């Protein structure tokens, strides 16, 4: 079987990396397409995957995104016609279901963001829609998802791959560090769904940078340049790809303005503060209910330092990891038509 993965954003590589290797080891052929967004290409290179860059990212303006949508669809159709794929699978790739429909092949569309407008065409054209078990079917209906297409998988998306990471995660170094390490993932400047403030973490970063080691993980080149300005001297900016297994053991506190990385750290038991300023996703509410993270949309330096003083690492969330293993088997089975 020839299976197409459209990995259109950096979190999708970790999500599908083990499945891609698994399928290839069983004799299936995998076709990977991507676009230059965040650390997507860096992560593909880190995993040593073969891939084809198709199209570009059209930035944060809705009008440009709308204009760019049919362009990338056409580019993908033109490239994939020669590949003769049998099935398509993607997470939040709004192009993939329509491209698969135009190519007359089966498609699986996964999503855990009920606020993304790109779900509307994706839900319409996908053969199967796979979402976390706690995502409201009523919210999916509002985005034109047919209930007969919807399959709920156990747990959260991050569990689908973190159960494998937990099995190989190195032990945390128990030796005392000169200063605790705080990793920060800022707000998504170019995301259509995000309506919160921009640069609202700057004051907090400036207030803690002389007392802790701050490592900022920007979401793009412009954001990386912003945190390299002179006032942030002493802050380490890492805009190349980092493996989760490298971040988690080193991190004493993770601060994230939403997104996959924030949820990854929470599931792995790292003390985590979500500072997301827009409406929370159902997945984040689920993790809040489980006590896996806290939500503080107006962070202060004093509050962060107080949280760091009380922070205690927990074991990885076994229930979510066990569900993730089940979800992995379910999704792989769907790809293979089982």
Protein backbone atom coordinates (compact mmCIF):
# COMPACT_ATOMS: atom_id res chain seq x y z
CA UNK A 1 0.00 0.00 0.00
CA UNK A 2 1.17 3.54 -0.78
CA UNK A 3 0.33 5.96 2.04
CA UNK A 4 0.51 9.76 1.83
CA UNK A 5 1.26 11.86 4.93
CA UNK A 6 0.92 15.64 4.56
CA UNK A 7 2.96 16.98 7.49
CA UNK A 8 2.06 20.66 7.29
CA UNK A 9 3.30 21.79 10.72
CA UNK A 10 6.10 20.78 13.07
CA UNK A 11 3.99 18.90 15.69
CA UNK A 12 2.83 16.48 13.02
CA UNK A 13 6.29 14.92 12.63
CA UNK A 14 6.45 13.59 16.19
CA UNK A 15 2.83 12.48 15.94
CA UNK A 16 3.41 10.29 12.89
CA UNK A 17 7.14 9.43 13.04
CA UNK A 18 6.76 6.03 14.70
CA UNK A 19 3.79 5.11 12.49
CA UNK A 20 5.74 5.99 9.34
CA UNK A 21 8.63 3.74 10.39
CA UNK A 22 6.22 1.04 11.47
CA UNK A 23 4.41 1.03 8.12
CA UNK A 24 7.66 1.07 6.15
CA UNK A 25 9.00 -1.87 8.17
CA UNK A 26 5.88 -3.82 7.17
CA UNK A 27 6.57 -3.20 3.48
CA UNK A 28 4.28 -0.25 2.80
CA UNK A 29 5.51 2.74 0.80
CA UNK A 30 5.21 6.18 2.38
CA UNK A 31 5.02 9.53 0.58
CA UNK A 32 5.63 12.62 2.73
CA UNK A 33 4.83 16.19 1.73
CA UNK A 34 5.35 19.28 3.85
CA UNK A 35 5.54 23.05 3.71
CA UNK A 36 8.09 25.46 5.26
CA UNK A 37 6.42 26.37 8.56
CA UNK A 38 8.02 26.62 12.03
CA UNK A 39 10.49 23.72 12.52
CA UNK A 40 8.75 21.30 10.15
CA UNK A 41 11.65 20.80 7.75
CA UNK A 42 14.26 20.77 10.55
CA UNK A 43 12.34 18.00 12.32
CA UNK A 44 11.96 15.96 9.14
CA UNK A 45 15.71 16.20 8.65
CA UNK A 46 16.28 15.29 12.31
CA UNK A 47 14.25 12.11 11.77
CA UNK A 48 16.02 11.50 8.43
CA UNK A 49 12.77 11.20 6.51
CA UNK A 50 12.55 11.63 2.75
CA UNK A 51 10.03 14.33 1.88
CA UNK A 52 8.87 16.76 -0.78
CA UNK A 53 8.27 20.44 0.02
CA UNK A 54 5.06 21.51 -1.70
CA UNK A 55 3.85 25.10 -1.49
CA UNK A 56 4.49 27.77 1.12
CA UNK A 57 2.87 29.09 4.28
CA UNK A 58 0.81 32.20 3.60
CA UNK A 59 1.23 33.93 6.97
CA UNK A 60 -1.32 35.05 9.52
CA UNK A 61 -3.72 37.11 7.36
CA UNK A 62 -6.97 35.28 6.63
CA UNK A 63 -7.27 36.71 3.09
CA UNK A 64 -3.84 35.36 2.15
CA UNK A 65 -4.61 31.98 3.69
CA UNK A 66 -7.83 31.85 1.66
CA UNK A 67 -5.99 32.78 -1.52
CA UNK A 68 -3.23 30.27 -0.87
CA UNK A 69 -5.54 27.34 -0.13
CA UNK A 70 -6.48 26.41 -3.75
CA UNK A 71 -2.92 27.10 -4.89
CA UNK A 72 -1.44 24.47 -2.56
CA UNK A 73 -4.28 22.05 -3.31
CA UNK A 74 -3.45 22.31 -7.02
CA UNK A 75 0.31 21.93 -6.31
CA UNK A 76 -0.33 18.80 -4.23
CA UNK A 77 -2.63 17.25 -6.84
CA UNK A 78 -0.06 17.86 -9.55
CA UNK A 79 2.71 16.23 -7.49
CA UNK A 80 0.67 13.29 -6.18
CA UNK A 81 -0.91 12.30 -9.50
CA UNK A 82 2.40 10.65 -10.39
CA UNK A 83 2.65 8.92 -7.01
CA UNK A 84 -0.54 6.82 -7.33
CA UNK A 85 -1.27 6.82 -3.60
CA UNK A 86 -3.85 4.50 -2.00
CA UNK A 87 -4.75 6.46 1.14
CA UNK A 88 -4.09 9.85 2.74
CA UNK A 89 -3.73 10.66 6.43
CA UNK A 90 -3.08 14.00 8.12
CA UNK A 91 -3.47 15.95 11.35
CA UNK A 92 -4.93 19.42 10.74
CA UNK A 93 -3.79 19.55 7.12
CA UNK A 94 -6.74 21.36 5.60
CA UNK A 95 -5.47 20.53 2.10
CA UNK A 96 -5.16 16.76 2.44
CA UNK A 97 -8.84 15.63 2.41
CA UNK A 98 -9.73 17.75 -0.64
CA UNK A 99 -6.62 16.62 -2.52
CA UNK A 100 -7.42 12.98 -1.74
CA UNK A 101 -11.03 13.50 -2.88
CA UNK A 102 -9.82 14.99 -6.17
CA UNK A 103 -7.49 12.01 -6.61
CA UNK A 104 -10.37 9.64 -5.74
CA UNK A 105 -8.57 8.01 -2.83
CA UNK A 106 -9.59 7.37 0.77
CA UNK A 107 -8.56 9.95 3.40
CA UNK A 108 -8.31 10.08 7.18
CA UNK A 109 -8.41 13.54 8.75
CA UNK A 110 -7.42 14.00 12.38
CA UNK A 111 -8.00 17.17 14.39
CA UNK A 112 -8.25 18.24 18.03
CA UNK A 113 -8.82 21.98 17.50
CA UNK A 114 -12.53 22.74 17.34
CA UNK A 115 -11.82 26.44 16.63
CA UNK A 116 -9.99 25.93 13.32
CA UNK A 117 -12.03 27.16 10.35
CA UNK A 118 -10.07 24.89 8.04
CA UNK A 119 -11.97 21.99 9.56
CA UNK A 120 -15.01 22.90 7.44
CA UNK A 121 -13.64 21.82 4.02
CA UNK A 122 -11.65 19.04 5.66
CA UNK A 123 -14.71 17.54 7.36
CA UNK A 124 -16.68 17.78 4.11
CA UNK A 125 -14.16 15.93 1.96
CA UNK A 126 -12.58 13.45 4.40
CA UNK A 127 -13.59 9.80 4.23
CA UNK A 128 -13.07 9.40 7.98
CA UNK A 129 -12.68 11.98 10.77
CA UNK A 130 -10.73 10.95 13.88
CA UNK A 131 -10.89 13.12 17.01
CA UNK A 132 -10.19 12.75 20.75
CA UNK A 133 -12.94 11.05 22.74
CA UNK A 134 -13.92 14.18 24.69
CA UNK A 135 -14.44 16.45 21.66
CA UNK A 136 -18.10 17.42 21.45
CA UNK A 137 -20.00 15.98 18.48
CA UNK A 138 -22.15 19.13 18.52
CA UNK A 139 -19.07 21.29 17.91
CA UNK A 140 -18.11 19.01 15.04
CA UNK A 141 -21.60 19.28 13.54
CA UNK A 142 -21.28 23.07 13.55
CA UNK A 143 -18.28 22.65 11.23
CA UNK A 144 -20.27 20.38 8.92
CA UNK A 145 -18.87 17.06 10.09
CA UNK A 146 -21.11 14.13 9.31
CA UNK A 147 -21.47 12.00 12.50
CA UNK A 148 -21.27 8.82 10.42
CA UNK A 149 -17.69 9.73 9.46
CA UNK A 150 -16.54 10.54 13.00
CA UNK A 151 -14.48 8.05 15.00
CA UNK A 152 -13.39 9.00 18.52
CA UNK A 153 -10.03 7.70 19.69
CA UNK A 154 -9.07 7.29 23.37
CA UNK A 155 -7.23 10.04 25.25
CA UNK A 156 -5.42 13.02 23.72
CA UNK A 157 -3.49 13.33 20.47
CA UNK A 158 -0.18 13.67 22.33
CA UNK A 159 -0.64 10.24 23.91
CA UNK A 160 -0.56 8.65 20.45
CA UNK A 161 3.22 9.03 20.36
CA UNK A 162 4.29 9.94 23.90
CA UNK A 163 3.74 6.37 25.13
CA UNK A 164 6.72 5.40 22.95
CA UNK A 165 8.80 8.36 24.17
CA UNK A 166 8.11 7.48 27.80
CA UNK A 167 9.57 4.02 27.22
CA UNK A 168 12.87 5.47 25.98
CA UNK A 169 13.00 8.72 27.97
CA UNK A 170 16.34 9.19 29.76
CA UNK A 171 16.41 9.52 33.53
CA UNK A 172 16.36 13.07 34.83
CA UNK A 173 19.74 14.22 36.07
CA UNK A 174 19.34 14.55 39.84
CA UNK A 175 22.39 16.79 40.27
CA UNK A 176 21.61 20.35 41.36
CA UNK A 177 21.81 22.94 38.60
CA UNK A 178 23.17 26.43 39.12
CA UNK A 179 19.77 27.83 38.09
CA UNK A 180 16.45 26.17 37.28
CA UNK A 181 15.50 25.98 33.60
CA UNK A 182 12.28 27.46 32.27
CA UNK A 183 11.26 26.68 28.69
CA UNK A 184 8.85 29.12 27.03
CA UNK A 185 6.79 28.56 23.89
CA UNK A 186 5.26 31.93 22.88
CA UNK A 187 1.90 32.62 21.25
CA UNK A 188 1.21 31.54 17.64
CA UNK A 189 1.61 34.75 15.63
CA UNK A 190 0.36 33.32 12.33
CA UNK A 191 -2.44 30.98 13.46
CA UNK A 192 -5.89 31.82 12.11
CA UNK A 193 -7.63 30.66 15.28
CA UNK A 194 -5.59 32.77 17.75
CA UNK A 195 -7.10 36.11 18.79
CA UNK A 196 -5.10 36.81 21.97
CA UNK A 197 -2.40 39.42 22.60
CA UNK A 198 1.01 39.45 20.95
CA UNK A 199 4.32 39.74 22.85
CA UNK A 200 2.48 39.59 26.18
CA UNK A 201 5.18 37.31 27.61
CA UNK A 202 7.96 39.88 27.13
CA UNK A 203 7.60 41.54 30.53
CA UNK A 204 7.52 38.17 32.29
CA UNK A 205 10.64 36.99 30.48
CA UNK A 206 12.49 40.20 31.32
CA UNK A 207 11.47 39.79 34.96
CA UNK A 208 12.80 36.24 35.38
CA UNK A 209 15.76 36.02 33.02
CA UNK A 210 18.36 37.03 35.61
CA UNK A 211 17.17 34.45 38.14
CA UNK A 212 16.53 31.39 35.96
CA UNK A 213 17.82 29.99 32.70
CA UNK A 214 15.17 30.99 30.15
CA UNK A 215 15.01 29.05 26.89
CA UNK A 216 12.56 30.44 24.32
CA UNK A 217 11.27 28.12 21.59
CA UNK A 218 9.94 30.53 18.93
CA UNK A 219 7.27 29.51 16.43
CA UNK A 220 8.95 31.13 13.46
CA UNK A 221 11.85 33.21 12.17
CA UNK A 222 10.31 36.61 13.01
CA UNK A 223 9.53 35.53 16.56
CA UNK A 224 13.08 34.24 16.93
CA UNK A 225 14.47 37.61 15.82
CA UNK A 226 12.21 39.38 18.33
CA UNK A 227 13.63 37.42 21.27
CA UNK A 228 17.18 38.10 20.09
CA UNK A 229 16.76 41.84 20.56
CA UNK A 230 19.21 43.43 23.06
CA UNK A 231 16.76 43.69 25.97
CA UNK A 232 16.53 39.88 26.06
CA UNK A 233 20.28 39.43 26.59
CA UNK A 234 20.87 36.25 28.56
CA UNK A 235 17.80 34.50 27.13
CA UNK A 236 18.65 31.47 25.02
CA UNK A 237 16.65 31.28 21.78
CA UNK A 238 16.44 27.87 20.11
CA UNK A 239 14.77 27.96 16.73
CA UNK A 240 16.26 24.73 15.44
CA UNK A 241 14.51 21.44 16.04
CA UNK A 242 14.73 19.92 19.52
CA UNK A 243 13.61 16.42 20.41
CA UNK A 244 11.02 16.18 23.18
CA UNK A 245 13.30 13.64 24.87
CA UNK A 246 15.94 16.36 25.17
CA UNK A 247 13.59 19.03 26.54
CA UNK A 248 11.57 17.07 29.11
CA UNK A 249 14.42 15.86 31.40
CA UNK A 250 16.02 19.34 31.45
CA UNK A 251 12.83 21.38 32.04
CA UNK A 252 11.93 22.54 35.55
CA UNK A 253 8.93 24.58 34.37
CA UNK A 254 7.28 24.86 30.96
CA UNK A 255 5.28 27.92 29.95
CA UNK A 256 3.32 27.67 26.74
CA UNK A 257 0.81 29.87 24.96
CA UNK A 258 -1.23 26.85 23.95
CA UNK A 259 -0.23 24.32 21.34
CA UNK A 260 1.02 20.78 21.17
CA UNK A 261 4.29 21.29 23.04
CA UNK A 262 2.46 22.62 26.10
CA UNK A 263 0.29 19.52 26.18
CA UNK A 264 3.26 17.22 25.61
CA UNK A 265 5.02 18.53 28.69
CA UNK A 266 1.83 18.26 30.76
CA UNK A 267 1.28 14.63 29.75
CA UNK A 268 4.91 13.80 30.58
CA UNK A 269 4.51 15.21 34.12
CA UNK A 270 6.61 18.35 33.63
CA UNK A 271 5.23 21.31 35.68
CA UNK A 272 3.34 23.27 33.03
CA UNK A 273 1.58 26.63 32.85
CA UNK A 274 -0.67 27.38 29.89
CA UNK A 275 -0.76 31.13 29.24
CA UNK A 276 -3.08 30.86 26.24
CA UNK A 277 -5.23 34.02 26.02
CA UNK A 278 -7.98 32.86 23.67
CA UNK A 279 -10.83 30.40 24.27
CA UNK A 280 -9.35 27.16 25.56
CA UNK A 281 -9.71 24.06 23.43
CA UNK A 282 -11.60 21.08 24.81
CA UNK A 283 -8.30 19.18 24.98
CA UNK A 284 -6.80 21.83 27.29
CA UNK A 285 -9.90 21.82 29.48
CA UNK A 286 -9.54 18.05 29.73
CA UNK A 287 -5.94 18.35 30.92
CA UNK A 288 -6.90 21.09 33.37
CA UNK A 289 -9.57 18.82 34.87
CA UNK A 290 -6.93 16.12 35.27
CA UNK A 291 -4.58 18.51 37.07
CA UNK A 292 -1.92 18.02 34.40
CA UNK A 293 -1.41 21.78 33.93
CA UNK A 294 -2.57 25.15 35.22
CA UNK A 295 -3.98 28.05 33.22
CA UNK A 296 -2.75 31.60 33.82
CA UNK A 297 -3.48 33.88 30.84
CA UNK A 298 -2.01 36.97 32.54
CA UNK A 299 1.36 35.73 33.84
CA UNK A 300 3.71 37.85 35.92
CA UNK A 301 7.37 37.36 36.76
CA UNK A 302 6.53 37.07 40.47
CA UNK A 303 3.85 34.49 39.75
CA UNK A 304 6.16 32.40 37.58
CA UNK A 305 8.94 32.44 40.17
CA UNK A 306 6.45 31.46 42.90
CA UNK A 307 5.15 28.61 40.73
CA UNK A 308 8.70 27.47 40.06
CA UNK A 309 9.42 27.41 43.79
CA UNK A 310 6.46 25.08 44.36
CA UNK A 311 6.84 23.07 41.15
CA UNK A 312 7.07 19.32 41.58
CA UNK A 313 7.56 16.95 38.69
CA UNK A 314 4.98 14.19 38.46
CA UNK A 315 5.32 10.81 36.79
CA UNK A 316 4.04 10.74 33.19
CA UNK A 317 0.26 10.41 33.02
CA UNK A 318 -0.06 6.62 32.71
CA UNK A 319 -3.79 6.70 31.94
CA UNK A 320 -3.28 9.03 28.97
CA UNK A 321 -0.24 7.09 27.75
CA UNK A 322 -2.15 3.80 27.91
CA UNK A 323 -4.99 5.38 25.96
CA UNK A 324 -2.43 6.73 23.50
CA UNK A 325 -1.17 3.23 22.78
CA UNK A 326 -4.75 2.12 22.09
CA UNK A 327 -5.34 5.15 19.86
CA UNK A 328 -2.15 4.43 17.90
CA UNK A 329 -3.37 0.91 17.10
CA UNK A 330 -6.80 2.24 16.12
CA UNK A 331 -5.41 4.92 13.78
CA UNK A 332 -2.90 2.59 12.14
CA UNK A 333 -5.72 0.12 11.57
CA UNK A 334 -7.81 2.83 9.92
CA UNK A 335 -4.93 3.68 7.57
CA UNK A 336 -4.70 0.03 6.52
CA UNK A 337 -8.46 -0.18 6.02
CA UNK A 338 -9.15 -2.47 8.97
